């Protein structure tokens, strides 16, 4: 039986981007205020969002789960930092599940969990689960409740 495919965004869904940025020194926050993605080493400084690691692992038992993230063009370390973050928090098994793309709508799957509509998320052909404060699914408890209540 083929498992349904879930794509999960990294920054703001699996990893707490805003908290990491807010923990930067004042001079860094001022310098990168308009380009937060460009802070060198930023993507290795993020901690997991509450419930994200447990959620990822539980969903991986029932679904084919991938991390689908965009990486900034002006921050070359971001690309390798994202891979290292996945290894550190999700383990070696998840490293080959990492996809970096600026066109999330080109990926074929059933679900996309993302906090923003940019980079093709809003045009994803499957079901987009809008995550975070502005979304319908505010946190990982909401996400897990959704997936616990669907029929496969």
N, C-alpha and C. Protein backbone atom coordinates (compact mmCIF):
# COMPACT_ATOMS: atom_id res chain seq x y z
N UNK A 1 0.84 -1.19 0.00
CA UNK A 1 0.00 0.00 0.00
C UNK A 1 0.88 1.24 0.00
N UNK A 2 0.61 2.17 -0.90
CA UNK A 2 1.36 3.42 -0.95
C UNK A 2 0.88 4.36 0.14
N UNK A 3 1.83 4.95 0.83
CA UNK A 3 1.49 5.91 1.87
C UNK A 3 1.23 7.28 1.22
N UNK A 4 0.34 8.05 1.83
CA UNK A 4 0.13 9.42 1.38
C UNK A 4 1.37 10.23 1.72
N UNK A 5 1.62 11.27 0.93
CA UNK A 5 2.81 12.09 1.08
C UNK A 5 2.49 13.39 1.80
N UNK A 6 3.30 13.69 2.82
CA UNK A 6 3.22 14.96 3.55
C UNK A 6 4.54 15.69 3.38
N UNK A 7 4.46 16.96 3.01
CA UNK A 7 5.62 17.84 3.00
C UNK A 7 5.48 18.78 4.18
N UNK A 8 6.59 18.98 4.92
CA UNK A 8 6.57 19.87 6.07
C UNK A 8 7.64 20.94 5.87
N UNK A 9 7.21 22.19 5.95
CA UNK A 9 8.15 23.30 5.87
C UNK A 9 9.05 23.28 7.09
N UNK A 10 10.22 23.87 6.97
CA UNK A 10 11.16 23.87 8.08
C UNK A 10 11.02 25.12 8.96
N UNK A 11 11.32 26.29 8.40
CA UNK A 11 11.38 27.53 9.18
C UNK A 11 9.99 27.99 9.58
N UNK A 12 9.74 28.03 10.87
CA UNK A 12 8.43 28.45 11.37
C UNK A 12 7.45 27.31 11.56
N UNK A 13 7.82 26.10 11.13
CA UNK A 13 6.96 24.93 11.30
C UNK A 13 7.71 23.85 12.10
N UNK A 14 8.82 23.39 11.58
CA UNK A 14 9.66 22.45 12.33
C UNK A 14 10.62 23.19 13.26
N UNK A 15 11.15 24.32 12.79
CA UNK A 15 12.19 25.06 13.52
C UNK A 15 11.70 26.47 13.84
N UNK A 16 12.08 26.96 15.01
CA UNK A 16 11.62 28.26 15.49
C UNK A 16 12.54 29.38 14.99
N UNK A 17 12.26 29.83 13.78
CA UNK A 17 13.05 30.86 13.12
C UNK A 17 12.98 32.20 13.87
N UNK A 18 11.80 32.63 14.23
CA UNK A 18 11.62 33.95 14.87
C UNK A 18 12.37 34.01 16.20
N UNK A 19 12.27 32.98 17.00
CA UNK A 19 12.96 32.99 18.29
C UNK A 19 14.48 33.05 18.10
N UNK A 20 14.98 32.30 17.11
CA UNK A 20 16.42 32.32 16.84
C UNK A 20 16.86 33.72 16.41
N UNK A 21 16.07 34.36 15.55
CA UNK A 21 16.42 35.72 15.11
C UNK A 21 16.37 36.68 16.29
N UNK A 22 15.36 36.57 17.11
CA UNK A 22 15.22 37.47 18.26
C UNK A 22 16.34 37.28 19.29
N UNK A 23 17.00 36.13 19.27
CA UNK A 23 18.12 35.87 20.18
C UNK A 23 19.45 36.41 19.65
N UNK A 24 19.44 36.91 18.42
CA UNK A 24 20.66 37.49 17.86
C UNK A 24 20.99 38.80 18.60
N UNK A 25 22.27 39.19 18.61
CA UNK A 25 22.63 40.48 19.21
C UNK A 25 21.93 41.65 18.51
N UNK A 26 21.77 42.75 19.23
CA UNK A 26 21.06 43.92 18.69
C UNK A 26 21.62 44.36 17.35
N UNK A 27 22.93 44.42 17.22
CA UNK A 27 23.52 44.92 15.97
C UNK A 27 23.17 44.01 14.78
N UNK A 28 23.10 42.72 15.02
CA UNK A 28 22.74 41.78 13.95
C UNK A 28 21.27 41.95 13.59
N UNK A 29 20.40 42.05 14.59
CA UNK A 29 18.97 42.23 14.32
C UNK A 29 18.71 43.52 13.55
N UNK A 30 19.44 44.57 13.87
CA UNK A 30 19.27 45.84 13.15
C UNK A 30 19.77 45.70 11.71
N UNK A 31 20.95 45.13 11.55
CA UNK A 31 21.54 44.99 10.21
C UNK A 31 20.67 44.14 9.28
N UNK A 32 20.08 43.08 9.83
CA UNK A 32 19.33 42.13 8.99
C UNK A 32 17.82 42.24 9.17
N UNK A 33 17.35 43.34 9.70
CA UNK A 33 15.92 43.52 9.98
C UNK A 33 15.05 43.20 8.76
N UNK A 34 15.46 43.65 7.59
CA UNK A 34 14.67 43.45 6.37
C UNK A 34 15.01 42.14 5.66
N UNK A 35 16.10 41.49 6.05
CA UNK A 35 16.55 40.26 5.39
C UNK A 35 16.97 39.23 6.44
N UNK A 36 16.04 38.86 7.28
CA UNK A 36 16.34 37.95 8.40
C UNK A 36 16.97 36.64 7.93
N UNK A 37 16.58 36.18 6.76
CA UNK A 37 17.12 34.92 6.21
C UNK A 37 18.61 34.97 5.94
N UNK A 38 19.16 36.17 5.84
CA UNK A 38 20.56 36.31 5.43
C UNK A 38 21.56 36.34 6.59
N UNK A 39 21.08 36.18 7.82
CA UNK A 39 21.99 36.15 8.97
C UNK A 39 22.88 34.91 8.85
N UNK A 40 24.21 35.10 8.78
CA UNK A 40 25.09 33.94 8.68
C UNK A 40 24.91 32.98 9.86
N UNK A 41 24.81 31.69 9.54
CA UNK A 41 24.68 30.67 10.58
C UNK A 41 23.31 30.59 11.24
N UNK A 42 22.38 31.40 10.79
CA UNK A 42 21.05 31.51 11.40
C UNK A 42 20.33 30.15 11.50
N UNK A 43 20.46 29.35 10.47
CA UNK A 43 19.65 28.15 10.40
C UNK A 43 20.14 27.01 11.28
N UNK A 44 21.35 27.16 11.84
CA UNK A 44 21.82 26.17 12.81
C UNK A 44 21.51 26.61 14.24
N UNK A 45 21.02 27.82 14.40
CA UNK A 45 20.72 28.36 15.73
C UNK A 45 19.28 28.13 16.16
N UNK A 46 18.49 27.55 15.27
CA UNK A 46 17.07 27.36 15.57
C UNK A 46 16.83 26.12 16.41
N UNK A 47 15.94 26.24 17.35
CA UNK A 47 15.47 25.08 18.11
C UNK A 47 14.19 24.57 17.47
N UNK A 48 13.85 23.33 17.71
CA UNK A 48 12.58 22.82 17.17
C UNK A 48 11.38 23.56 17.77
N UNK A 49 10.34 23.68 16.98
CA UNK A 49 9.07 24.20 17.49
C UNK A 49 8.52 23.18 18.48
N UNK A 50 7.78 23.63 19.50
CA UNK A 50 7.20 22.68 20.46
C UNK A 50 6.35 21.62 19.75
N UNK A 51 6.66 20.37 20.01
CA UNK A 51 5.90 19.25 19.44
C UNK A 51 6.32 18.83 18.04
N UNK A 52 7.23 19.58 17.41
CA UNK A 52 7.57 19.31 16.01
C UNK A 52 8.29 17.98 15.82
N UNK A 53 9.26 17.69 16.65
CA UNK A 53 10.04 16.45 16.47
C UNK A 53 9.14 15.24 16.71
N UNK A 54 8.37 15.29 17.78
CA UNK A 54 7.45 14.20 18.07
C UNK A 54 6.42 14.04 16.95
N UNK A 55 5.91 15.17 16.47
CA UNK A 55 4.93 15.14 15.38
C UNK A 55 5.51 14.54 14.11
N UNK A 56 6.71 14.98 13.75
CA UNK A 56 7.38 14.45 12.56
C UNK A 56 7.54 12.94 12.67
N UNK A 57 8.01 12.48 13.82
CA UNK A 57 8.25 11.04 14.00
C UNK A 57 6.95 10.24 13.98
N UNK A 58 5.90 10.75 14.59
CA UNK A 58 4.62 10.05 14.57
C UNK A 58 4.02 10.02 13.16
N UNK A 59 4.06 11.15 12.47
CA UNK A 59 3.52 11.18 11.11
C UNK A 59 4.30 10.26 10.18
N UNK A 60 5.61 10.13 10.42
CA UNK A 60 6.45 9.28 9.58
C UNK A 60 6.07 7.80 9.67
N UNK A 61 5.37 7.42 10.71
CA UNK A 61 4.94 6.02 10.84
C UNK A 61 3.76 5.71 9.93
N UNK A 62 2.94 6.73 9.63
CA UNK A 62 1.73 6.54 8.82
C UNK A 62 1.82 7.09 7.41
N UNK A 63 2.74 8.03 7.19
CA UNK A 63 2.83 8.74 5.92
C UNK A 63 4.27 8.73 5.43
N UNK A 64 4.43 9.07 4.15
CA UNK A 64 5.76 9.30 3.60
C UNK A 64 6.01 10.80 3.78
N UNK A 65 6.88 11.16 4.74
CA UNK A 65 7.05 12.55 5.16
C UNK A 65 8.37 13.10 4.64
N UNK A 66 8.30 14.30 4.06
CA UNK A 66 9.47 15.01 3.56
C UNK A 66 9.52 16.39 4.17
N UNK A 67 10.72 16.94 4.29
CA UNK A 67 10.90 18.33 4.70
C UNK A 67 11.07 19.12 3.41
N UNK A 68 10.19 20.08 3.18
CA UNK A 68 10.21 20.90 1.96
C UNK A 68 10.41 22.34 2.37
N UNK A 69 11.61 22.84 2.16
CA UNK A 69 11.99 24.16 2.64
C UNK A 69 12.63 24.98 1.54
N UNK A 70 12.54 26.28 1.67
CA UNK A 70 13.27 27.19 0.79
C UNK A 70 14.50 27.66 1.53
N UNK A 71 15.56 27.94 0.79
CA UNK A 71 16.77 28.48 1.39
C UNK A 71 17.12 29.78 0.66
N UNK A 72 17.56 30.78 1.40
CA UNK A 72 17.84 32.07 0.78
C UNK A 72 19.07 32.03 -0.13
N UNK A 73 18.98 32.72 -1.25
CA UNK A 73 20.06 32.76 -2.22
C UNK A 73 21.26 33.56 -1.71
N UNK A 74 21.01 34.54 -0.84
CA UNK A 74 22.09 35.42 -0.36
C UNK A 74 22.75 34.94 0.93
N UNK A 75 22.47 33.71 1.31
CA UNK A 75 23.06 33.15 2.53
C UNK A 75 23.49 31.72 2.23
N UNK A 76 24.65 31.55 1.59
CA UNK A 76 25.07 30.21 1.16
C UNK A 76 25.15 29.18 2.28
N UNK A 77 25.47 29.60 3.50
CA UNK A 77 25.56 28.63 4.58
C UNK A 77 24.19 28.06 4.96
N UNK A 78 23.13 28.76 4.59
CA UNK A 78 21.78 28.30 4.94
C UNK A 78 21.50 26.91 4.36
N UNK A 79 22.00 26.66 3.16
CA UNK A 79 21.73 25.38 2.50
C UNK A 79 22.32 24.22 3.30
N UNK A 80 23.57 24.35 3.68
CA UNK A 80 24.21 23.27 4.47
C UNK A 80 23.72 23.29 5.91
N UNK A 81 23.42 24.47 6.45
CA UNK A 81 22.91 24.56 7.83
C UNK A 81 21.58 23.83 7.96
N UNK A 82 20.74 23.92 6.95
CA UNK A 82 19.44 23.23 7.01
C UNK A 82 19.65 21.71 7.06
N UNK A 83 20.58 21.23 6.27
CA UNK A 83 20.88 19.79 6.29
C UNK A 83 21.42 19.38 7.66
N UNK A 84 22.31 20.17 8.22
CA UNK A 84 22.86 19.85 9.54
C UNK A 84 21.79 19.90 10.62
N UNK A 85 20.85 20.84 10.51
CA UNK A 85 19.75 20.92 11.47
C UNK A 85 18.91 19.64 11.41
N UNK A 86 18.61 19.20 10.21
CA UNK A 86 17.81 17.97 10.05
C UNK A 86 18.54 16.79 10.67
N UNK A 87 19.84 16.67 10.41
CA UNK A 87 20.62 15.57 11.00
C UNK A 87 20.58 15.64 12.53
N UNK A 88 20.76 16.84 13.06
CA UNK A 88 20.83 17.01 14.51
C UNK A 88 19.51 16.68 15.21
N UNK A 89 18.40 17.17 14.65
CA UNK A 89 17.13 17.04 15.36
C UNK A 89 16.24 15.90 14.87
N UNK A 90 16.39 15.49 13.63
CA UNK A 90 15.52 14.44 13.10
C UNK A 90 16.27 13.15 12.79
N UNK A 91 17.59 13.23 12.80
CA UNK A 91 18.39 12.03 12.60
C UNK A 91 18.74 11.76 11.15
N UNK A 92 19.67 10.86 11.00
CA UNK A 92 20.21 10.53 9.68
C UNK A 92 19.13 10.07 8.71
N UNK A 93 18.12 9.35 9.21
CA UNK A 93 17.06 8.84 8.33
C UNK A 93 16.30 9.94 7.62
N UNK A 94 16.28 11.14 8.20
CA UNK A 94 15.53 12.25 7.61
C UNK A 94 16.35 13.06 6.61
N UNK A 95 17.68 12.86 6.56
CA UNK A 95 18.49 13.70 5.68
C UNK A 95 18.15 13.49 4.20
N UNK A 96 17.79 12.29 3.83
CA UNK A 96 17.41 12.06 2.44
C UNK A 96 15.94 12.39 2.19
N UNK A 97 15.32 12.98 3.19
CA UNK A 97 13.93 13.44 3.07
C UNK A 97 13.86 14.96 2.97
N UNK A 98 15.02 15.61 2.87
CA UNK A 98 15.09 17.06 2.79
C UNK A 98 15.09 17.50 1.33
N UNK A 99 14.15 18.39 0.99
CA UNK A 99 14.06 18.98 -0.34
C UNK A 99 14.13 20.49 -0.18
N UNK A 100 15.08 21.12 -0.86
CA UNK A 100 15.19 22.58 -0.84
C UNK A 100 14.73 23.09 -2.20
N UNK A 101 13.70 23.94 -2.17
CA UNK A 101 13.12 24.42 -3.42
C UNK A 101 12.41 25.75 -3.20
N UNK A 102 12.44 26.57 -4.23
CA UNK A 102 11.68 27.82 -4.19
C UNK A 102 10.37 27.68 -4.95
N UNK A 103 10.03 26.47 -5.33
CA UNK A 103 8.77 26.19 -6.03
C UNK A 103 8.10 24.98 -5.41
N UNK A 104 7.50 25.18 -4.24
CA UNK A 104 6.86 24.08 -3.53
C UNK A 104 5.68 23.49 -4.30
N UNK A 105 5.09 24.29 -5.17
CA UNK A 105 3.95 23.83 -5.96
C UNK A 105 4.36 22.77 -6.99
N UNK A 106 5.63 22.61 -7.28
CA UNK A 106 6.07 21.61 -8.24
C UNK A 106 6.16 20.21 -7.64
N UNK A 107 6.10 20.12 -6.32
CA UNK A 107 6.15 18.82 -5.65
C UNK A 107 4.77 18.19 -5.64
N UNK A 108 4.74 16.90 -5.90
CA UNK A 108 3.48 16.17 -5.95
C UNK A 108 3.29 15.46 -4.61
N UNK A 109 2.16 15.72 -3.99
CA UNK A 109 1.90 15.09 -2.70
C UNK A 109 0.48 15.37 -2.26
N UNK A 110 0.16 14.88 -1.08
CA UNK A 110 -1.19 14.99 -0.57
C UNK A 110 -1.37 16.17 0.37
N UNK A 111 -0.34 16.49 1.16
CA UNK A 111 -0.45 17.55 2.17
C UNK A 111 0.84 18.37 2.21
N UNK A 112 0.67 19.65 2.49
CA UNK A 112 1.80 20.54 2.75
C UNK A 112 1.48 21.32 4.02
N UNK A 113 2.36 21.20 5.01
CA UNK A 113 2.23 21.95 6.26
C UNK A 113 3.21 23.12 6.16
N UNK A 114 2.69 24.34 6.06
CA UNK A 114 3.54 25.50 5.85
C UNK A 114 2.92 26.71 6.51
N UNK A 115 3.77 27.61 6.99
CA UNK A 115 3.28 28.82 7.67
C UNK A 115 3.09 29.99 6.73
N UNK A 116 3.58 29.89 5.50
CA UNK A 116 3.47 30.99 4.55
C UNK A 116 3.01 30.48 3.19
N UNK A 117 2.37 31.34 2.43
CA UNK A 117 1.88 30.95 1.10
C UNK A 117 2.95 31.14 0.03
N UNK A 118 4.07 31.82 0.35
CA UNK A 118 5.10 32.11 -0.64
C UNK A 118 5.80 30.86 -1.14
N UNK A 119 6.61 31.06 -2.17
CA UNK A 119 7.41 29.99 -2.78
C UNK A 119 6.56 28.81 -3.24
N UNK A 120 5.37 29.11 -3.71
CA UNK A 120 4.51 28.08 -4.28
C UNK A 120 3.63 27.35 -3.29
N UNK A 121 3.76 27.63 -2.00
CA UNK A 121 2.94 26.91 -1.01
C UNK A 121 1.45 27.16 -1.26
N UNK A 122 1.10 28.39 -1.58
CA UNK A 122 -0.31 28.72 -1.81
C UNK A 122 -0.89 28.07 -3.06
N UNK A 123 -0.02 27.60 -3.97
CA UNK A 123 -0.47 26.95 -5.20
C UNK A 123 -0.26 25.44 -5.18
N UNK A 124 0.10 24.91 -4.02
CA UNK A 124 0.31 23.47 -3.88
C UNK A 124 -0.96 22.73 -4.29
N UNK A 125 -0.82 21.67 -5.07
CA UNK A 125 -1.98 20.94 -5.62
C UNK A 125 -2.70 20.05 -4.62
N UNK A 126 -2.00 19.65 -3.55
CA UNK A 126 -2.65 18.87 -2.51
C UNK A 126 -3.32 19.82 -1.51
N UNK A 127 -3.52 19.36 -0.29
CA UNK A 127 -4.13 20.18 0.75
C UNK A 127 -3.05 20.94 1.51
N UNK A 128 -3.14 22.26 1.52
CA UNK A 128 -2.21 23.10 2.26
C UNK A 128 -2.78 23.32 3.66
N UNK A 129 -2.02 22.90 4.67
CA UNK A 129 -2.40 23.12 6.06
C UNK A 129 -1.64 24.34 6.55
N UNK A 130 -2.34 25.46 6.64
CA UNK A 130 -1.72 26.74 7.01
C UNK A 130 -1.42 26.73 8.51
N UNK A 131 -0.13 26.73 8.82
CA UNK A 131 0.38 26.56 10.18
C UNK A 131 0.75 27.91 10.80
N UNK A 132 0.62 28.01 12.11
CA UNK A 132 1.11 29.18 12.85
C UNK A 132 0.02 30.13 13.28
N UNK A 133 0.44 31.26 13.85
CA UNK A 133 -0.50 32.22 14.43
C UNK A 133 -1.56 32.69 13.46
N UNK A 134 -1.18 32.87 12.20
CA UNK A 134 -2.15 33.37 11.21
C UNK A 134 -2.89 32.25 10.50
N UNK A 135 -2.51 31.01 10.76
CA UNK A 135 -3.12 29.89 10.08
C UNK A 135 -4.23 29.22 10.87
N UNK A 136 -4.89 28.29 10.23
CA UNK A 136 -5.94 27.51 10.88
C UNK A 136 -5.34 26.55 11.92
N UNK A 137 -4.14 26.07 11.65
CA UNK A 137 -3.47 25.10 12.52
C UNK A 137 -2.38 25.86 13.29
N UNK A 138 -2.70 26.25 14.51
CA UNK A 138 -1.85 27.16 15.28
C UNK A 138 -0.56 26.53 15.77
N UNK A 139 -0.56 25.22 16.01
CA UNK A 139 0.60 24.56 16.61
C UNK A 139 0.59 23.08 16.22
N UNK A 140 1.57 22.36 16.74
CA UNK A 140 1.68 20.94 16.40
C UNK A 140 0.55 20.10 17.01
N UNK A 141 -0.04 20.54 18.09
CA UNK A 141 -1.21 19.83 18.63
C UNK A 141 -2.35 19.86 17.63
N UNK A 142 -2.57 21.02 17.01
CA UNK A 142 -3.63 21.14 15.99
C UNK A 142 -3.34 20.24 14.79
N UNK A 143 -2.08 20.21 14.36
CA UNK A 143 -1.70 19.37 13.22
C UNK A 143 -1.95 17.89 13.54
N UNK A 144 -1.52 17.47 14.70
CA UNK A 144 -1.68 16.06 15.07
C UNK A 144 -3.15 15.70 15.23
N UNK A 145 -3.93 16.61 15.76
CA UNK A 145 -5.38 16.35 15.87
C UNK A 145 -5.99 16.17 14.49
N UNK A 146 -5.60 17.01 13.54
CA UNK A 146 -6.11 16.87 12.17
C UNK A 146 -5.78 15.49 11.60
N UNK A 147 -4.51 15.08 11.69
CA UNK A 147 -4.11 13.81 11.08
C UNK A 147 -4.62 12.60 11.86
N UNK A 148 -4.89 12.77 13.14
CA UNK A 148 -5.48 11.67 13.90
C UNK A 148 -6.94 11.45 13.56
N UNK A 149 -7.57 12.44 12.93
CA UNK A 149 -8.99 12.37 12.65
C UNK A 149 -9.33 12.19 11.17
N UNK A 150 -8.33 11.90 10.35
CA UNK A 150 -8.64 11.68 8.94
C UNK A 150 -8.60 10.19 8.62
N UNK A 151 -9.40 9.81 7.66
CA UNK A 151 -9.39 8.44 7.17
C UNK A 151 -8.37 8.33 6.06
N UNK A 152 -7.60 7.27 6.07
CA UNK A 152 -6.59 7.10 5.01
C UNK A 152 -7.14 6.28 3.88
